[in-house]
PDB file of N, CA and C in Angstrom:
ATOM      1  N   MET A   1     -54.882-190.550-146.003  1.00  0.00           N
ATOM      2  CA  MET A   1     -54.975-189.403-146.743  1.00  0.00           C
ATOM      3  C   MET A   1     -54.163-188.357-146.351  1.00  0.00           C
ATOM      4  N   LYS A   2     -53.383-187.636-146.961  1.00  0.00           N
ATOM      5  CA  LYS A   2     -52.388-186.643-146.784  1.00  0.00           C
ATOM      6  C   LYS A   2     -52.994-184.933-147.311  1.00  0.00           C
ATOM      7  N   ILE A   3     -52.509-184.652-145.891  1.00  0.00           N
ATOM      8  CA  ILE A   3     -52.934-183.448-145.984  1.00  0.00           C
ATOM      9  C   ILE A   3     -51.875-182.404-145.301  1.00  0.00           C
ATOM     10  N   ASN A   4     -51.440-181.267-146.099  1.00  0.00           N
ATOM     11  CA  ASN A   4     -50.463-180.283-146.264  1.00  0.00           C
ATOM     12  C   ASN A   4     -50.938-179.207-145.834  1.00  0.00           C
ATOM     13  N   ARG A   5     -50.316-178.194-145.955  1.00  0.00           N
ATOM     14  CA  ARG A   5     -50.583-176.680-145.849  1.00  0.00           C
ATOM     15  C   ARG A   5     -51.535-176.344-147.247  1.00  0.00           C
ATOM     16  N   GLN A   6     -50.964-176.396-148.016  1.00  0.00           N
ATOM     17  CA  GLN A   6     -51.655-176.598-149.382  1.00  0.00           C
ATOM     18  C   GLN A   6     -53.044-176.791-149.697  1.00  0.00           C
ATOM     19  N   ILE A   7     -53.288-178.182-149.177  1.00  0.00           N
ATOM     20  CA  ILE A   7     -54.329-179.078-149.180  1.00  0.00           C
ATOM     21  C   ILE A   7     -55.662-178.020-148.217  1.00  0.00           C
ATOM     22  N   LEU A   8     -54.965-177.880-146.988  1.00  0.00           N
ATOM     23  CA  LEU A   8     -55.725-177.234-146.142  1.00  0.00           C
ATOM     24  C   LEU A   8     -56.229-175.935-146.700  1.00  0.00           C
ATOM     25  N   VAL A   9     -55.396-175.130-147.142  1.00  0.00           N
ATOM     26  CA  VAL A   9     -55.917-173.911-147.548  1.00  0.00           C
ATOM     27  C   VAL A   9     -56.675-173.754-148.522  1.00  0.00           C
ATOM     28  N   GLU A  10     -56.459-174.953-149.637  1.00  0.00           N
ATOM     29  CA  GLU A  10     -57.249-175.163-150.523  1.00  0.00           C
ATOM     30  C   GLU A  10     -59.083-175.288-150.041  1.00  0.00           C
ATOM     31  N   LYS A  11     -58.852-176.143-149.208  1.00  0.00           N
ATOM     32  CA  LYS A  11     -60.434-176.345-148.608  1.00  0.00           C
ATOM     33  C   LYS A  11     -61.056-175.413-147.926  1.00  0.00           C
ATOM     34  N   ILE A  12     -60.441-174.546-147.142  1.00  0.00           N
ATOM     35  CA  ILE A  12     -60.697-172.859-146.474  1.00  0.00           C
ATOM     36  C   ILE A  12     -61.292-172.492-147.897  1.00  0.00           C
ATOM     37  N   LYS A  13     -60.135-172.119-148.839  1.00  0.00           N
ATOM     38  CA  LYS A  13     -60.968-171.427-149.953  1.00  0.00           C
ATOM     39  C   LYS A  13     -62.221-171.819-150.745  1.00  0.00           C
ATOM     40  N   ASN A  14     -62.228-173.059-151.098  1.00  0.00           N
ATOM     41  CA  ASN A  14     -63.227-173.675-151.438  1.00  0.00           C
ATOM     42  C   ASN A  14     -64.657-173.353-150.641  1.00  0.00           C
ATOM     43  N   TYR A  15     -64.429-173.291-149.133  1.00  0.00           N
ATOM     44  CA  TYR A  15     -65.364-173.007-147.812  1.00  0.00           C
ATOM     45  C   TYR A  15     -65.673-171.455-148.319  1.00  0.00           C
ATOM     46  N   LEU A  16     -65.014-170.586-148.455  1.00  0.00           N
ATOM     47  CA  LEU A  16     -65.020-169.570-148.389  1.00  0.00           C
ATOM     48  C   LEU A  16     -65.678-169.087-149.741  1.00  0.00           C
ATOM     49  N   ASN A  17     -65.460-169.711-151.072  1.00  0.00           N
ATOM     50  CA  ASN A  17     -66.015-169.475-152.063  1.00  0.00           C
ATOM     51  C   ASN A  17     -67.495-170.542-152.195  1.00  0.00           C
ATOM     52  N   HIS A  18     -68.149-171.016-151.216  1.00  0.00           N
ATOM     53  CA  HIS A  18     -68.857-171.350-151.592  1.00  0.00           C
ATOM     54  C   HIS A  18     -69.262-172.735-152.282  1.00  0.00           C
ATOM     55  N   GLN A  19     -67.587-173.381-152.505  1.00  0.00           N
ATOM     56  CA  GLN A  19     -67.823-174.717-152.825  1.00  0.00           C
ATOM     57  C   GLN A  19     -67.715-175.626-152.399  1.00  0.00           C
ATOM     58  N   LEU A  20     -67.717-175.488-151.092  1.00  0.00           N
ATOM     59  CA  LEU A  20     -68.003-176.442-150.171  1.00  0.00           C
ATOM     60  C   LEU A  20     -68.985-176.141-148.958  1.00  0.00           C
ATOM     61  N   SER A  21     -69.292-177.057-148.415  1.00  0.00           N
ATOM     62  CA  SER A  21     -70.419-176.614-147.446  1.00  0.00           C
ATOM     63  C   SER A  21     -69.280-176.661-146.202  1.00  0.00           C
ATOM     64  N   LEU A  22     -70.066-175.862-144.886  1.00  0.00           N
ATOM     65  CA  LEU A  22     -69.411-176.072-143.721  1.00  0.00           C
ATOM     66  C   LEU A  22     -69.614-177.482-143.099  1.00  0.00           C
ATOM     67  N   ASP A  23     -70.926-178.264-143.418  1.00  0.00           N
ATOM     68  CA  ASP A  23     -70.472-179.649-142.886  1.00  0.00           C
ATOM     69  C   ASP A  23     -69.497-180.377-143.648  1.00  0.00           C
ATOM     70  N   GLU A  24     -69.557-180.216-145.068  1.00  0.00           N
ATOM     71  CA  GLU A  24     -68.261-180.821-145.954  1.00  0.00           C
ATOM     72  C   GLU A  24     -66.868-180.605-145.276  1.00  0.00           C
ATOM     73  N   LEU A  25     -67.021-179.412-144.787  1.00  0.00           N
ATOM     74  CA  LEU A  25     -65.653-178.877-144.118  1.00  0.00           C
ATOM     75  C   LEU A  25     -64.928-179.229-142.885  1.00  0.00           C
ATOM     76  N   ILE A  26     -66.407-179.874-142.004  1.00  0.00           N
ATOM     77  CA  ILE A  26     -65.952-180.037-140.729  1.00  0.00           C
ATOM     78  C   ILE A  26     -65.761-181.476-140.780  1.00  0.00           C
ATOM     79  N   ASP A  27     -66.472-182.474-141.843  1.00  0.00           N
ATOM     80  CA  ASP A  27     -66.371-183.773-142.092  1.00  0.00           C
ATOM     81  C   ASP A  27     -64.957-184.044-142.436  1.00  0.00           C
ATOM     82  N   TRP A  28     -64.522-183.370-143.646  1.00  0.00           N
ATOM     83  CA  TRP A  28     -63.198-183.890-143.982  1.00  0.00           C
ATOM     84  C   TRP A  28     -62.109-183.308-142.728  1.00  0.00           C
ATOM     85  N   ALA A  29     -62.046-182.285-141.736  1.00  0.00           N
ATOM     86  CA  ALA A  29     -61.349-182.045-141.073  1.00  0.00           C
ATOM     87  C   ALA A  29     -61.495-183.243-140.237  1.00  0.00           C
ATOM     88  N   GLU A  30     -62.483-183.598-139.373  1.00  0.00           N
ATOM     89  CA  GLU A  30     -62.901-184.429-138.396  1.00  0.00           C
ATOM     90  C   GLU A  30     -61.926-185.597-139.184  1.00  0.00           C
ATOM     91  N   ASN A  31     -62.414-186.549-140.260  1.00  0.00           N
ATOM     92  CA  ASN A  31     -61.698-187.446-141.154  1.00  0.00           C
ATOM     93  C   ASN A  31     -60.052-187.298-140.933  1.00  0.00           C
ATOM     94  N   GLY A  32     -59.351-185.868-141.578  1.00  0.00           N
ATOM     95  CA  GLY A  32     -58.213-185.535-141.209  1.00  0.00           C
ATOM     96  C   GLY A  32     -57.610-185.744-139.917  1.00  0.00           C
ATOM     97  N   LEU A  33     -57.922-185.339-139.077  1.00  0.00           N
ATOM     98  CA  LEU A  33     -57.531-185.667-137.750  1.00  0.00           C
ATOM     99  C   LEU A  33     -57.396-187.302-137.315  1.00  0.00           C
ATOM    100  N   MET A  34     -58.311-188.222-137.951  1.00  0.00           N
ATOM    101  CA  MET A  34     -58.140-189.426-137.282  1.00  0.00           C
ATOM    102  C   MET A  34     -57.250-190.244-138.410  1.00  0.00           C
ATOM    103  N   GLU A  35     -57.291-189.881-140.047  1.00  0.00           N
ATOM    104  CA  GLU A  35     -56.656-190.466-140.573  1.00  0.00           C
ATOM    105  C   GLU A  35     -55.407-189.797-141.372  1.00  0.00           C
ATOM    106  N   ALA A  36     -55.364-188.425-141.223  1.00  0.00           N
ATOM    107  CA  ALA A  36     -54.266-187.940-141.937  1.00  0.00           C
ATOM    108  C   ALA A  36     -52.780-188.253-141.624  1.00  0.00           C
ATOM    109  N   ASP A  37     -51.887-188.335-142.822  1.00  0.00           N
ATOM    110  CA  ASP A  37     -50.702-188.156-143.298  1.00  0.00           C
ATOM    111  C   ASP A  37     -50.109-186.844-142.760  1.00  0.00           C
ATOM    112  N   LEU A  38     -49.832-186.482-142.420  1.00  0.00           N
ATOM    113  CA  LEU A  38     -49.172-184.690-141.965  1.00  0.00           C
ATOM    114  C   LEU A  38     -47.384-184.635-142.045  1.00  0.00           C
ATOM    115  N   PRO A  39     -47.030-183.836-142.728  1.00  0.00           N
ATOM    116  CA  PRO A  39     -46.043-183.348-143.034  1.00  0.00           C
ATOM    117  C   PRO A  39     -45.107-183.366-141.747  1.00  0.00           C
ATOM    118  N   ALA A  40     -44.277-183.393-141.031  1.00  0.00           N
ATOM    119  CA  ALA A  40     -43.782-183.790-139.611  1.00  0.00           C
ATOM    120  C   ALA A  40     -43.599-182.018-139.454  1.00  0.00           C
ATOM    121  N   LYS A  41     -42.562-181.211-140.116  1.00  0.00           N
ATOM    122  CA  LYS A  41     -42.645-180.006-139.978  1.00  0.00           C
ATOM    123  C   LYS A  41     -44.095-178.773-139.609  1.00  0.00           C
ATOM    124  N   ASP A  42     -45.054-179.241-139.936  1.00  0.00           N
ATOM    125  CA  ASP A  42     -46.368-178.705-140.088  1.00  0.00           C
ATOM    126  C   ASP A  42     -47.051-178.860-139.428  1.00  0.00           C
ATOM    127  N   ALA A  43     -47.077-180.407-138.978  1.00  0.00           N
ATOM    128  CA  ALA A  43     -48.125-181.122-137.840  1.00  0.00           C
ATOM    129  C   ALA A  43     -48.668-180.388-136.890  1.00  0.00           C
ATOM    130  N   PRO A  44     -48.303-179.731-136.489  1.00  0.00           N
ATOM    131  CA  PRO A  44     -48.724-179.057-134.940  1.00  0.00           C
ATOM    132  C   PRO A  44     -49.543-178.126-135.475  1.00  0.00           C
ATOM    133  N   LYS A  45     -48.938-177.366-136.699  1.00  0.00           N
ATOM    134  CA  LYS A  45     -50.302-176.366-136.697  1.00  0.00           C
ATOM    135  C   LYS A  45     -51.350-177.211-137.577  1.00  0.00           C
ATOM    136  N   ILE A  46     -51.082-177.633-138.535  1.00  0.00           N
ATOM    137  CA  ILE A  46     -52.628-178.221-139.472  1.00  0.00           C
ATOM    138  C   ILE A  46     -53.297-179.147-138.172  1.00  0.00           C
ATOM    139  N   SER A  47     -52.938-179.781-137.650  1.00  0.00           N
ATOM    140  CA  SER A  47     -53.804-180.699-136.326  1.00  0.00           C
ATOM    141  C   SER A  47     -54.511-179.519-135.753  1.00  0.00           C
ATOM    142  N   ALA A  48     -53.717-178.318-135.287  1.00  0.00           N
ATOM    143  CA  ALA A  48     -54.866-177.441-134.425  1.00  0.00           C
ATOM    144  C   ALA A  48     -55.480-176.742-135.703  1.00  0.00           C
ATOM    145  N   ALA A  49     -55.194-176.533-136.779  1.00  0.00           N
ATOM    146  CA  ALA A  49     -56.567-176.016-137.912  1.00  0.00           C
ATOM    147  C   ALA A  49     -57.332-176.943-137.766  1.00  0.00           C
ATOM    148  N   LEU A  50     -57.021-178.232-138.195  1.00  0.00           N
ATOM    149  CA  LEU A  50     -58.284-179.138-138.573  1.00  0.00           C
ATOM    150  C   LEU A  50     -59.029-179.550-137.011  1.00  0.00           C
ATOM    151  N   ALA A  51     -58.176-179.396-136.093  1.00  0.00           N
ATOM    152  CA  ALA A  51     -59.200-179.410-134.772  1.00  0.00           C
ATOM    153  C   ALA A  51     -59.834-178.192-134.504  1.00  0.00           C
ATOM    154  N   GLN A  52     -59.904-177.202-134.776  1.00  0.00           N
ATOM    155  CA  GLN A  52     -60.503-175.803-134.798  1.00  0.00           C
ATOM    156  C   GLN A  52     -61.989-176.008-135.591  1.00  0.00           C
ATOM    157  N   ILE A  53     -61.338-176.591-136.973  1.00  0.00           N
ATOM    158  CA  ILE A  53     -62.387-176.714-138.109  1.00  0.00           C
ATOM    159  C   ILE A  53     -63.333-177.778-137.682  1.00  0.00           C
ATOM    160  N   GLY A  54     -62.858-178.901-136.999  1.00  0.00           N
ATOM    161  CA  GLY A  54     -63.732-180.179-136.951  1.00  0.00           C
ATOM    162  C   GLY A  54     -64.588-179.588-135.506  1.00  0.00           C
ATOM    163  N   LEU A  55     -64.057-178.726-134.740  1.00  0.00           N
ATOM    164  CA  LEU A  55     -65.064-178.129-133.639  1.00  0.00           C
ATOM    165  C   LEU A  55     -66.333-177.534-133.987  1.00  0.00           C
ATOM    166  N   MET A  56     -66.440-176.982-135.206  1.00  0.00           N
ATOM    167  CA  MET A  56     -67.465-175.826-135.558  1.00  0.00           C
ATOM    168  C   MET A  56     -68.855-176.713-135.815  1.00  0.00           C
ATOM    169  N   ASN A  57     -68.939-177.902-135.520  1.00  0.00           N
ATOM    170  CA  ASN A  57     -70.501-178.612-135.765  1.00  0.00           C
ATOM    171  C   ASN A  57     -70.725-178.695-134.399  1.00  0.00           C
ATOM    172  N   VAL A  58     -70.302-178.083-133.277  1.00  0.00           N
ATOM    173  CA  VAL A  58     -70.545-177.966-131.691  1.00  0.00           C
ATOM    174  C   VAL A  58     -70.806-176.749-131.455  1.00  0.00           C
ATOM    175  N   ARG A  59     -70.366-175.766-132.220  1.00  0.00           N
ATOM    176  CA  ARG A  59     -70.648-173.878-132.162  1.00  0.00           C
ATOM    177  C   ARG A  59     -71.938-173.733-132.916  1.00  0.00           C
ATOM    178  N   GLU A  60     -72.887-172.892-132.829  1.00  0.00           N
ATOM    179  CA  GLU A  60     -74.095-172.382-133.138  1.00  0.00           C
ATOM    180  C   GLU A  60     -73.851-171.426-134.035  1.00  0.00           C
ATOM    181  N   PHE A  61     -72.523-170.886-133.806  1.00  0.00           N
ATOM    182  CA  PHE A  61     -72.353-169.866-135.103  1.00  0.00           C
ATOM    183  C   PHE A  61     -71.329-169.731-136.024  1.00  0.00           C
ATOM    184  N   GLY A  62     -71.172-170.978-136.508  1.00  0.00           N
ATOM    185  CA  GLY A  62     -70.126-171.571-137.390  1.00  0.00           C
ATOM    186  C   GLY A  62     -68.591-170.896-137.250  1.00  0.00           C
ATOM    187  N   LEU A  63     -68.011-171.208-138.732  1.00  0.00           N
ATOM    188  CA  LEU A  63     -66.469-170.668-138.759  1.00  0.00           C
ATOM    189  C   LEU A  63     -66.620-169.596-139.197  1.00  0.00           C
ATOM    190  N   THR A  64     -66.309-168.728-138.314  1.00  0.00           N
ATOM    191  CA  THR A  64     -66.369-166.959-138.714  1.00  0.00           C
ATOM    192  C   THR A  64     -64.963-166.600-140.015  1.00  0.00           C
ATOM    193  N   TRP A  65     -65.118-165.443-140.435  1.00  0.00           N
ATOM    194  CA  TRP A  65     -64.216-165.067-141.029  1.00  0.00           C
ATOM    195  C   TRP A  65     -62.829-165.080-140.344  1.00  0.00           C
ATOM    196  N   GLU A  66     -63.085-164.404-139.155  1.00  0.00           N
ATOM    197  CA  GLU A  66     -61.698-164.522-138.496  1.00  0.00           C
ATOM    198  C   GLU A  66     -61.085-165.572-138.572  1.00  0.00           C
ATOM    199  N   GLU A  67     -61.591-166.504-138.152  1.00  0.00           N
ATOM    200  CA  GLU A  67     -61.151-167.789-137.908  1.00  0.00           C
ATOM    201  C   GLU A  67     -60.379-168.105-139.005  1.00  0.00           C
ATOM    202  N   CYS A  68     -61.064-167.788-140.225  1.00  0.00           N
ATOM    203  CA  CYS A  68     -60.604-168.808-141.411  1.00  0.00           C
ATOM    204  C   CYS A  68     -59.022-167.839-141.479  1.00  0.00           C
ATOM    205  N   ASP A  69     -59.318-166.432-141.650  1.00  0.00           N
ATOM    206  CA  ASP A  69     -58.206-165.817-141.865  1.00  0.00           C
ATOM    207  C   ASP A  69     -56.675-165.873-141.099  1.00  0.00           C
ATOM    208  N   LYS A  70     -57.403-166.270-139.443  1.00  0.00           N
ATOM    209  CA  LYS A  70     -56.180-166.615-138.669  1.00  0.00           C
ATOM    210  C   LYS A  70     -55.581-167.971-138.968  1.00  0.00           C
ATOM    211  N   ILE A  71     -56.216-168.914-139.446  1.00  0.00           N
ATOM    212  CA  ILE A  71     -55.743-170.305-139.856  1.00  0.00           C
ATOM    213  C   ILE A  71     -54.642-170.398-141.129  1.00  0.00           C
ATOM    214  N   LEU A  72     -55.342-169.293-142.309  1.00  0.00           N
ATOM    215  CA  LEU A  72     -54.767-168.975-143.569  1.00  0.00           C
ATOM    216  C   LEU A  72     -53.077-168.275-142.821  1.00  0.00           C
ATOM    217  N   HIS A  73     -53.297-167.421-142.036  1.00  0.00           N
ATOM    218  CA  HIS A  73     -52.279-166.666-141.801  1.00  0.00           C
ATOM    219  C   HIS A  73     -50.966-167.287-141.487  1.00  0.00           C
ATOM    220  N   GLU A  74     -51.687-168.626-140.232  1.00  0.00           N
ATOM    221  CA  GLU A  74     -50.699-169.500-139.760  1.00  0.00           C
ATOM    222  C   GLU A  74     -50.084-170.431-140.907  1.00  0.00           C
ATOM    223  N   MET A  75     -51.203-171.015-142.140  1.00  0.00           N
ATOM    224  CA  MET A  75     -50.479-171.222-142.791  1.00  0.00           C
ATOM    225  C   MET A  75     -49.154-170.804-143.906  1.00  0.00           C
ATOM    226  N   GLY A  76     -49.382-169.421-143.681  1.00  0.00           N
ATOM    227  CA  GLY A  76     -48.542-168.754-144.431  1.00  0.00           C
ATOM    228  C   GLY A  76     -49.188-168.193-145.675  1.00  0.00           C
ATOM    229  N   TYR A  77     -50.406-167.904-145.438  1.00  0.00           N
ATOM    230  CA  TYR A  77     -51.180-167.129-146.823  1.00  0.00           C
ATOM    231  C   TYR A  77     -52.049-165.673-146.211  1.00  0.00           C
ATOM    232  N   THR A  78     -52.011-165.000-146.917  1.00  0.00           N
ATOM    233  CA  THR A  78     -52.983-163.940-146.720  1.00  0.00           C
ATOM    234  C   THR A  78     -54.461-164.100-147.733  1.00  0.00           C
ATOM    235  N   ALA A  79     -55.789-163.874-146.929  1.00  0.00           N
ATOM    236  CA  ALA A  79     -56.707-164.000-147.860  1.00  0.00           C
ATOM    237  C   ALA A  79     -57.071-162.263-148.292  1.00  0.00           C
ATOM    238  N   HIS A  80     -57.616-162.147-149.775  1.00  0.00           N
ATOM    239  CA  HIS A  80     -58.025-161.083-150.215  1.00  0.00           C
ATOM    240  C   HIS A  80     -59.564-161.173-150.399  1.00  0.00           C
ATOM    241  N   ILE A  81     -60.298-160.417-150.417  1.00  0.00           N
ATOM    242  CA  ILE A  81     -61.998-160.783-151.001  1.00  0.00           C
ATOM    243  C   ILE A  81     -61.574-159.812-152.250  1.00  0.00           C
ATOM    244  N   GLU A  82     -62.664-160.539-153.564  1.00  0.00           N
ATOM    245  CA  GLU A  82     -62.599-159.896-154.681  1.00  0.00           C
ATOM    246  C   GLU A  82     -64.523-160.102-154.770  1.00  0.00           C
ATOM    247  N   LEU A  83     -65.065-159.220-155.058  1.00  0.00           N
ATOM    248  CA  LEU A  83     -66.668-159.222-155.162  1.00  0.00           C
ATOM    249  C   LEU A  83     -66.684-159.054-156.917  1.00  0.00           C
ATOM    250  N   HIS A  84     -67.710-160.098-157.128  1.00  0.00           N
ATOM    251  CA  HIS A  84     -68.525-159.712-158.390  1.00  0.00           C
ATOM    252  C   HIS A  84     -70.039-159.724-158.279  1.00  0.00           C
ATOM    253  N   PRO A  85     -70.214-159.086-159.001  1.00  0.00           N
ATOM    254  CA  PRO A  85     -71.937-159.135-159.405  1.00  0.00           C
ATOM    255  C   PRO A  85     -72.537-160.542-159.627  1.00  0.00           C
ATOM    256  N   ALA A  86     -73.795-160.314-159.240  1.00  0.00           N
ATOM    257  CA  ALA A  86     -74.536-161.912-158.798  1.00  0.00           C
ATOM    258  C   ALA A  86     -75.056-162.025-159.977  1.00  0.00           C
TER     259      ALA A  86
END
């Protein structure tokens, strides 16, 4: 499985938009750590992000907004919140 910055960012975006559950994100990250083909120049940052996400299943409080924001920033992105009526 290939994982680059864009794929990682898309997964986090899907999680933040409730299109992907925390369990699904964790499973994806854990599988990515074991099987991913990472681009050489980004491998350390992507691996660190996958490891951080993969460990969320041992924490009782899940993945915080701040942690997502930090990972996105390390990938060269900024997050902006948009609210819509339910």
